[in-house]
Amino acid sequence: MGFFMEKKIYVDGMFDADTASKVQAAVSAVAGVKSCTADPNKSQVHVDFDGDEGAITAAIASAGVSVIG
């Protein structure tokens, strides 16, 4: 494994704790993700990972949330 990178991903469509929980579970299941916190109040997903950022974006989308930055 290489080094872990922290990233804040801004999203649209994550308005409540239930959706945030789904996003957090989907991202946490991605290989290389060390930790993930989804915050519906800030519309952010904070991820600490060593892996494919594209897989993280796909996991967020699979939970019905759009990545905006």
PDB file of N, CA and C in Angstrom:
ATOM      1  N   MET A   1       0.833  -1.194   0.000  1.00  0.00           N
ATOM      2  CA  MET A   1       0.000   0.000   0.000  1.00  0.00           C
ATOM      3  C   MET A   1       0.868   1.245   0.000  1.00  0.00           C
ATOM      4  N   GLY A   2       0.395   2.268  -0.653  1.00  0.00           N
ATOM      5  CA  GLY A   2       1.094   3.548  -0.670  1.00  0.00           C
ATOM      6  C   GLY A   2       0.622   4.419   0.481  1.00  0.00           C
ATOM      7  N   PHE A   3       0.611   5.698   0.228  1.00  0.00           N
ATOM      8  CA  PHE A   3       0.168   6.633   1.259  1.00  0.00           C
ATOM      9  C   PHE A   3      -1.324   6.910   1.130  1.00  0.00           C
ATOM     10  N   PHE A   4      -1.928   7.235   2.251  1.00  0.00           N
ATOM     11  CA  PHE A   4      -3.350   7.559   2.227  1.00  0.00           C
ATOM     12  C   PHE A   4      -3.543   9.031   1.889  1.00  0.00           C
ATOM     13  N   MET A   5      -4.560   9.322   1.122  1.00  0.00           N
ATOM     14  CA  MET A   5      -4.889  10.690   0.742  1.00  0.00           C
ATOM     15  C   MET A   5      -6.246  11.039   1.340  1.00  0.00           C
ATOM     16  N   GLU A   6      -6.345  12.241   1.868  1.00  0.00           N
ATOM     17  CA  GLU A   6      -7.628  12.720   2.380  1.00  0.00           C
ATOM     18  C   GLU A   6      -8.254  13.624   1.336  1.00  0.00           C
ATOM     19  N   LYS A   7      -9.546  13.484   1.165  1.00  0.00           N
ATOM     20  CA  LYS A   7     -10.246  14.312   0.180  1.00  0.00           C
ATOM     21  C   LYS A   7     -11.646  14.629   0.664  1.00  0.00           C
ATOM     22  N   LYS A   8     -12.050  15.870   0.444  1.00  0.00           N
ATOM     23  CA  LYS A   8     -13.443  16.273   0.673  1.00  0.00           C
ATOM     24  C   LYS A   8     -14.114  16.327  -0.686  1.00  0.00           C
ATOM     25  N   ILE A   9     -15.201  15.597  -0.805  1.00  0.00           N
ATOM     26  CA  ILE A   9     -15.948  15.557  -2.057  1.00  0.00           C
ATOM     27  C   ILE A   9     -17.291  16.221  -1.809  1.00  0.00           C
ATOM     28  N   TYR A  10     -17.592  17.249  -2.582  1.00  0.00           N
ATOM     29  CA  TYR A  10     -18.870  17.941  -2.449  1.00  0.00           C
ATOM     30  C   TYR A  10     -19.908  17.233  -3.306  1.00  0.00           C
ATOM     31  N   VAL A  11     -21.096  17.067  -2.727  1.00  0.00           N
ATOM     32  CA  VAL A  11     -22.142  16.297  -3.398  1.00  0.00           C
ATOM     33  C   VAL A  11     -23.470  17.046  -3.379  1.00  0.00           C
ATOM     34  N   ASP A  12     -24.378  16.595  -4.232  1.00  0.00           N
ATOM     35  CA  ASP A  12     -25.731  17.136  -4.291  1.00  0.00           C
ATOM     36  C   ASP A  12     -26.699  15.967  -4.181  1.00  0.00           C
ATOM     37  N   GLY A  13     -27.705  16.119  -3.325  1.00  0.00           N
ATOM     38  CA  GLY A  13     -28.721  15.081  -3.194  1.00  0.00           C
ATOM     39  C   GLY A  13     -28.641  14.309  -1.893  1.00  0.00           C
ATOM     40  N   MET A  14     -27.696  14.675  -1.028  1.00  0.00           N
ATOM     41  CA  MET A  14     -27.569  14.005   0.267  1.00  0.00           C
ATOM     42  C   MET A  14     -28.135  14.954   1.330  1.00  0.00           C
ATOM     43  N   PHE A  15     -29.452  14.840   1.557  1.00  0.00           N
ATOM     44  CA  PHE A  15     -30.133  15.824   2.392  1.00  0.00           C
ATOM     45  C   PHE A  15     -30.476  15.349   3.799  1.00  0.00           C
ATOM     46  N   ASP A  16     -30.307  14.059   4.055  1.00  0.00           N
ATOM     47  CA  ASP A  16     -30.695  13.558   5.378  1.00  0.00           C
ATOM     48  C   ASP A  16     -29.731  12.478   5.851  1.00  0.00           C
ATOM     49  N   ALA A  17     -29.862  12.109   7.102  1.00  0.00           N
ATOM     50  CA  ALA A  17     -28.956  11.131   7.716  1.00  0.00           C
ATOM     51  C   ALA A  17     -29.065   9.763   7.046  1.00  0.00           C
ATOM     52  N   ASP A  18     -30.254   9.388   6.581  1.00  0.00           N
ATOM     53  CA  ASP A  18     -30.435   8.088   5.938  1.00  0.00           C
ATOM     54  C   ASP A  18     -29.624   8.002   4.645  1.00  0.00           C
ATOM     55  N   THR A  19     -29.702   9.040   3.825  1.00  0.00           N
ATOM     56  CA  THR A  19     -28.937   9.067   2.584  1.00  0.00           C
ATOM     57  C   THR A  19     -27.443   9.115   2.886  1.00  0.00           C
ATOM     58  N   ALA A  20     -27.057   9.911   3.874  1.00  0.00           N
ATOM     59  CA  ALA A  20     -25.638   9.997   4.261  1.00  0.00           C
ATOM     60  C   ALA A  20     -25.123   8.626   4.693  1.00  0.00           C
ATOM     61  N   SER A  21     -25.944   7.880   5.404  1.00  0.00           N
ATOM     62  CA  SER A  21     -25.570   6.548   5.849  1.00  0.00           C
ATOM     63  C   SER A  21     -25.347   5.621   4.659  1.00  0.00           C
ATOM     64  N   LYS A  22     -26.205   5.713   3.649  1.00  0.00           N
ATOM     65  CA  LYS A  22     -26.061   4.891   2.442  1.00  0.00           C
ATOM     66  C   LYS A  22     -24.779   5.246   1.690  1.00  0.00           C
ATOM     67  N   VAL A  23     -24.500   6.546   1.582  1.00  0.00           N
ATOM     68  CA  VAL A  23     -23.283   6.998   0.910  1.00  0.00           C
ATOM     69  C   VAL A  23     -22.057   6.498   1.669  1.00  0.00           C
ATOM     70  N   GLN A  24     -22.075   6.667   2.977  1.00  0.00           N
ATOM     71  CA  GLN A  24     -20.954   6.256   3.810  1.00  0.00           C
ATOM     72  C   GLN A  24     -20.695   4.752   3.681  1.00  0.00           C
ATOM     73  N   ALA A  25     -21.746   3.958   3.680  1.00  0.00           N
ATOM     74  CA  ALA A  25     -21.599   2.508   3.547  1.00  0.00           C
ATOM     75  C   ALA A  25     -21.049   2.133   2.170  1.00  0.00           C
ATOM     76  N   ALA A  26     -21.558   2.779   1.132  1.00  0.00           N
ATOM     77  CA  ALA A  26     -21.103   2.473  -0.234  1.00  0.00           C
ATOM     78  C   ALA A  26     -19.629   2.820  -0.412  1.00  0.00           C
ATOM     79  N   VAL A  27     -19.228   3.983   0.075  1.00  0.00           N
ATOM     80  CA  VAL A  27     -17.831   4.412  -0.071  1.00  0.00           C
ATOM     81  C   VAL A  27     -16.917   3.560   0.799  1.00  0.00           C
ATOM     82  N   SER A  28     -17.353   3.237   1.997  1.00  0.00           N
ATOM     83  CA  SER A  28     -16.538   2.423   2.902  1.00  0.00           C
ATOM     84  C   SER A  28     -16.259   1.032   2.335  1.00  0.00           C
ATOM     85  N   ALA A  29     -17.132   0.549   1.453  1.00  0.00           N
ATOM     86  CA  ALA A  29     -16.965  -0.778   0.854  1.00  0.00           C
ATOM     87  C   ALA A  29     -15.953  -0.786  -0.292  1.00  0.00           C
ATOM     88  N   VAL A  30     -15.519   0.391  -0.736  1.00  0.00           N
ATOM     89  CA  VAL A  30     -14.559   0.474  -1.842  1.00  0.00           C
ATOM     90  C   VAL A  30     -13.170   0.063  -1.354  1.00  0.00           C
ATOM     91  N   ALA A  31     -12.505  -0.759  -2.138  1.00  0.00           N
ATOM     92  CA  ALA A  31     -11.146  -1.196  -1.785  1.00  0.00           C
ATOM     93  C   ALA A  31     -10.222   0.009  -1.648  1.00  0.00           C
ATOM     94  N   GLY A  32      -9.442   0.040  -0.573  1.00  0.00           N
ATOM     95  CA  GLY A  32      -8.483   1.115  -0.352  1.00  0.00           C
ATOM     96  C   GLY A  32      -8.997   2.249   0.511  1.00  0.00           C
ATOM     97  N   VAL A  33     -10.288   2.242   0.840  1.00  0.00           N
ATOM     98  CA  VAL A  33     -10.838   3.297   1.684  1.00  0.00           C
ATOM     99  C   VAL A  33     -10.553   2.960   3.142  1.00  0.00           C
ATOM    100  N   LYS A  34      -9.845   3.863   3.820  1.00  0.00           N
ATOM    101  CA  LYS A  34      -9.509   3.674   5.234  1.00  0.00           C
ATOM    102  C   LYS A  34     -10.650   4.160   6.113  1.00  0.00           C
ATOM    103  N   SER A  35     -11.207   5.329   5.775  1.00  0.00           N
ATOM    104  CA  SER A  35     -12.343   5.861   6.526  1.00  0.00           C
ATOM    105  C   SER A  35     -13.167   6.770   5.630  1.00  0.00           C
ATOM    106  N   CYS A  36     -14.434   6.932   6.021  1.00  0.00           N
ATOM    107  CA  CYS A  36     -15.353   7.773   5.262  1.00  0.00           C
ATOM    108  C   CYS A  36     -16.371   8.372   6.217  1.00  0.00           C
ATOM    109  N   THR A  37     -16.611   9.666   6.082  1.00  0.00           N
ATOM    110  CA  THR A  37     -17.650  10.338   6.852  1.00  0.00           C
ATOM    111  C   THR A  37     -18.488  11.164   5.886  1.00  0.00           C
ATOM    112  N   ALA A  38     -19.780  10.916   5.871  1.00  0.00           N
ATOM    113  CA  ALA A  38     -20.698  11.676   5.021  1.00  0.00           C
ATOM    114  C   ALA A  38     -21.470  12.652   5.901  1.00  0.00           C
ATOM    115  N   ASP A  39     -21.410  13.931   5.561  1.00  0.00           N
ATOM    116  CA  ASP A  39     -22.056  14.986   6.353  1.00  0.00           C
ATOM    117  C   ASP A  39     -23.148  15.657   5.522  1.00  0.00           C
ATOM    118  N   PRO A  40     -24.423  15.318   5.779  1.00  0.00           N
ATOM    119  CA  PRO A  40     -25.501  15.907   4.977  1.00  0.00           C
ATOM    120  C   PRO A  40     -25.660  17.409   5.207  1.00  0.00           C
ATOM    121  N   ASN A  41     -25.260  17.916   6.366  1.00  0.00           N
ATOM    122  CA  ASN A  41     -25.388  19.350   6.640  1.00  0.00           C
ATOM    123  C   ASN A  41     -24.437  20.185   5.794  1.00  0.00           C
ATOM    124  N   LYS A  42     -23.287  19.635   5.465  1.00  0.00           N
ATOM    125  CA  LYS A  42     -22.301  20.356   4.655  1.00  0.00           C
ATOM    126  C   LYS A  42     -22.277  19.870   3.204  1.00  0.00           C
ATOM    127  N   SER A  43     -23.081  18.848   2.898  1.00  0.00           N
ATOM    128  CA  SER A  43     -23.077  18.226   1.567  1.00  0.00           C
ATOM    129  C   SER A  43     -21.671  17.786   1.180  1.00  0.00           C
ATOM    130  N   GLN A  44     -20.976  17.158   2.141  1.00  0.00           N
ATOM    131  CA  GLN A  44     -19.608  16.713   1.919  1.00  0.00           C
ATOM    132  C   GLN A  44     -19.444  15.237   2.294  1.00  0.00           C
ATOM    133  N   VAL A  45     -18.534  14.593   1.577  1.00  0.00           N
ATOM    134  CA  VAL A  45     -18.080  13.259   1.936  1.00  0.00           C
ATOM    135  C   VAL A  45     -16.576  13.371   2.139  1.00  0.00           C
ATOM    136  N   HIS A  46     -16.116  13.089   3.338  1.00  0.00           N
ATOM    137  CA  HIS A  46     -14.688  13.143   3.641  1.00  0.00           C
ATOM    138  C   HIS A  46     -14.150  11.722   3.614  1.00  0.00           C
ATOM    139  N   VAL A  47     -13.169  11.498   2.743  1.00  0.00           N
ATOM    140  CA  VAL A  47     -12.645  10.147   2.533  1.00  0.00           C
ATOM    141  C   VAL A  47     -11.132  10.134   2.746  1.00  0.00           C
ATOM    142  N   ASP A  48     -10.665   9.142   3.469  1.00  0.00           N
ATOM    143  CA  ASP A  48      -9.236   8.876   3.642  1.00  0.00           C
ATOM    144  C   ASP A  48      -8.983   7.563   2.907  1.00  0.00           C
ATOM    145  N   PHE A  49      -8.207   7.623   1.823  1.00  0.00           N
ATOM    146  CA  PHE A  49      -8.098   6.437   0.976  1.00  0.00           C
ATOM    147  C   PHE A  49      -6.733   6.290   0.322  1.00  0.00           C
ATOM    148  N   ASP A  50      -6.491   5.094  -0.139  1.00  0.00           N
ATOM    149  CA  ASP A  50      -5.317   4.742  -0.931  1.00  0.00           C
ATOM    150  C   ASP A  50      -5.846   3.830  -2.025  1.00  0.00           C
ATOM    151  N   GLY A  51      -6.306   4.430  -3.073  1.00  0.00           N
ATOM    152  CA  GLY A  51      -6.911   3.626  -4.124  1.00  0.00           C
ATOM    153  C   GLY A  51      -7.446   4.479  -5.251  1.00  0.00           C
ATOM    154  N   ASP A  52      -8.485   3.996  -5.880  1.00  0.00           N
ATOM    155  CA  ASP A  52      -9.046   4.604  -7.076  1.00  0.00           C
ATOM    156  C   ASP A  52     -10.140   5.615  -6.725  1.00  0.00           C
ATOM    157  N   GLU A  53      -9.861   6.878  -7.015  1.00  0.00           N
ATOM    158  CA  GLU A  53     -10.862   7.913  -6.740  1.00  0.00           C
ATOM    159  C   GLU A  53     -12.117   7.727  -7.598  1.00  0.00           C
ATOM    160  N   GLY A  54     -11.943   7.189  -8.798  1.00  0.00           N
ATOM    161  CA  GLY A  54     -13.086   6.926  -9.672  1.00  0.00           C
ATOM    162  C   GLY A  54     -14.056   5.931  -9.063  1.00  0.00           C
ATOM    163  N   ALA A  55     -13.527   4.938  -8.352  1.00  0.00           N
ATOM    164  CA  ALA A  55     -14.384   3.948  -7.692  1.00  0.00           C
ATOM    165  C   ALA A  55     -15.172   4.602  -6.557  1.00  0.00           C
ATOM    166  N   ILE A  56     -14.572   5.571  -5.897  1.00  0.00           N
ATOM    167  CA  ILE A  56     -15.265   6.300  -4.820  1.00  0.00           C
ATOM    168  C   ILE A  56     -16.401   7.128  -5.404  1.00  0.00           C
ATOM    169  N   THR A  57     -16.120   7.820  -6.495  1.00  0.00           N
ATOM    170  CA  THR A  57     -17.154   8.613  -7.168  1.00  0.00           C
ATOM    171  C   THR A  57     -18.303   7.716  -7.629  1.00  0.00           C
ATOM    172  N   ALA A  58     -17.978   6.555  -8.167  1.00  0.00           N
ATOM    173  CA  ALA A  58     -19.009   5.609  -8.616  1.00  0.00           C
ATOM    174  C   ALA A  58     -19.842   5.104  -7.432  1.00  0.00           C
ATOM    175  N   ALA A  59     -19.183   4.872  -6.297  1.00  0.00           N
ATOM    176  CA  ALA A  59     -19.909   4.412  -5.102  1.00  0.00           C
ATOM    177  C   ALA A  59     -20.889   5.477  -4.616  1.00  0.00           C
ATOM    178  N   ILE A  60     -20.473   6.738  -4.661  1.00  0.00           N
ATOM    179  CA  ILE A  60     -21.358   7.832  -4.258  1.00  0.00           C
ATOM    180  C   ILE A  60     -22.558   7.893  -5.202  1.00  0.00           C
ATOM    181  N   ALA A  61     -22.299   7.792  -6.485  1.00  0.00           N
ATOM    182  CA  ALA A  61     -23.386   7.825  -7.476  1.00  0.00           C
ATOM    183  C   ALA A  61     -24.335   6.649  -7.305  1.00  0.00           C
ATOM    184  N   SER A  62     -23.800   5.481  -6.909  1.00  0.00           N
ATOM    185  CA  SER A  62     -24.643   4.301  -6.732  1.00  0.00           C
ATOM    186  C   SER A  62     -25.631   4.473  -5.581  1.00  0.00           C
ATOM    187  N   ALA A  63     -25.347   5.409  -4.687  1.00  0.00           N
ATOM    188  CA  ALA A  63     -26.254   5.692  -3.578  1.00  0.00           C
ATOM    189  C   ALA A  63     -27.277   6.769  -3.940  1.00  0.00           C
ATOM    190  N   GLY A  64     -27.271   7.189  -5.210  1.00  0.00           N
ATOM    191  CA  GLY A  64     -28.252   8.156  -5.693  1.00  0.00           C
ATOM    192  C   GLY A  64     -27.877   9.603  -5.433  1.00  0.00           C
ATOM    193  N   VAL A  65     -26.595   9.874  -5.246  1.00  0.00           N
ATOM    194  CA  VAL A  65     -26.113  11.222  -4.938  1.00  0.00           C
ATOM    195  C   VAL A  65     -25.162  11.649  -6.057  1.00  0.00           C
ATOM    196  N   SER A  66     -25.198  12.926  -6.430  1.00  0.00           N
ATOM    197  CA  SER A  66     -24.343  13.431  -7.501  1.00  0.00           C
ATOM    198  C   SER A  66     -23.096  14.083  -6.931  1.00  0.00           C
ATOM    199  N   VAL A  67     -21.949  13.799  -7.535  1.00  0.00           N
ATOM    200  CA  VAL A  67     -20.700  14.447  -7.154  1.00  0.00           C
ATOM    201  C   VAL A  67     -20.619  15.773  -7.899  1.00  0.00           C
ATOM    202  N   ILE A  68     -20.383  16.870  -7.168  1.00  0.00           N
ATOM    203  CA  ILE A  68     -20.276  18.179  -7.821  1.00  0.00           C
ATOM    204  C   ILE A  68     -18.884  18.785  -7.680  1.00  0.00           C
ATOM    205  N   GLY A  69     -18.025  18.152  -6.925  1.00  0.00           N
ATOM    206  CA  GLY A  69     -16.657  18.697  -6.847  1.00  0.00           C
ATOM    207  C   GLY A  69     -15.874  18.126  -5.708  1.00  0.00           C
TER     208      GLY A  69
END
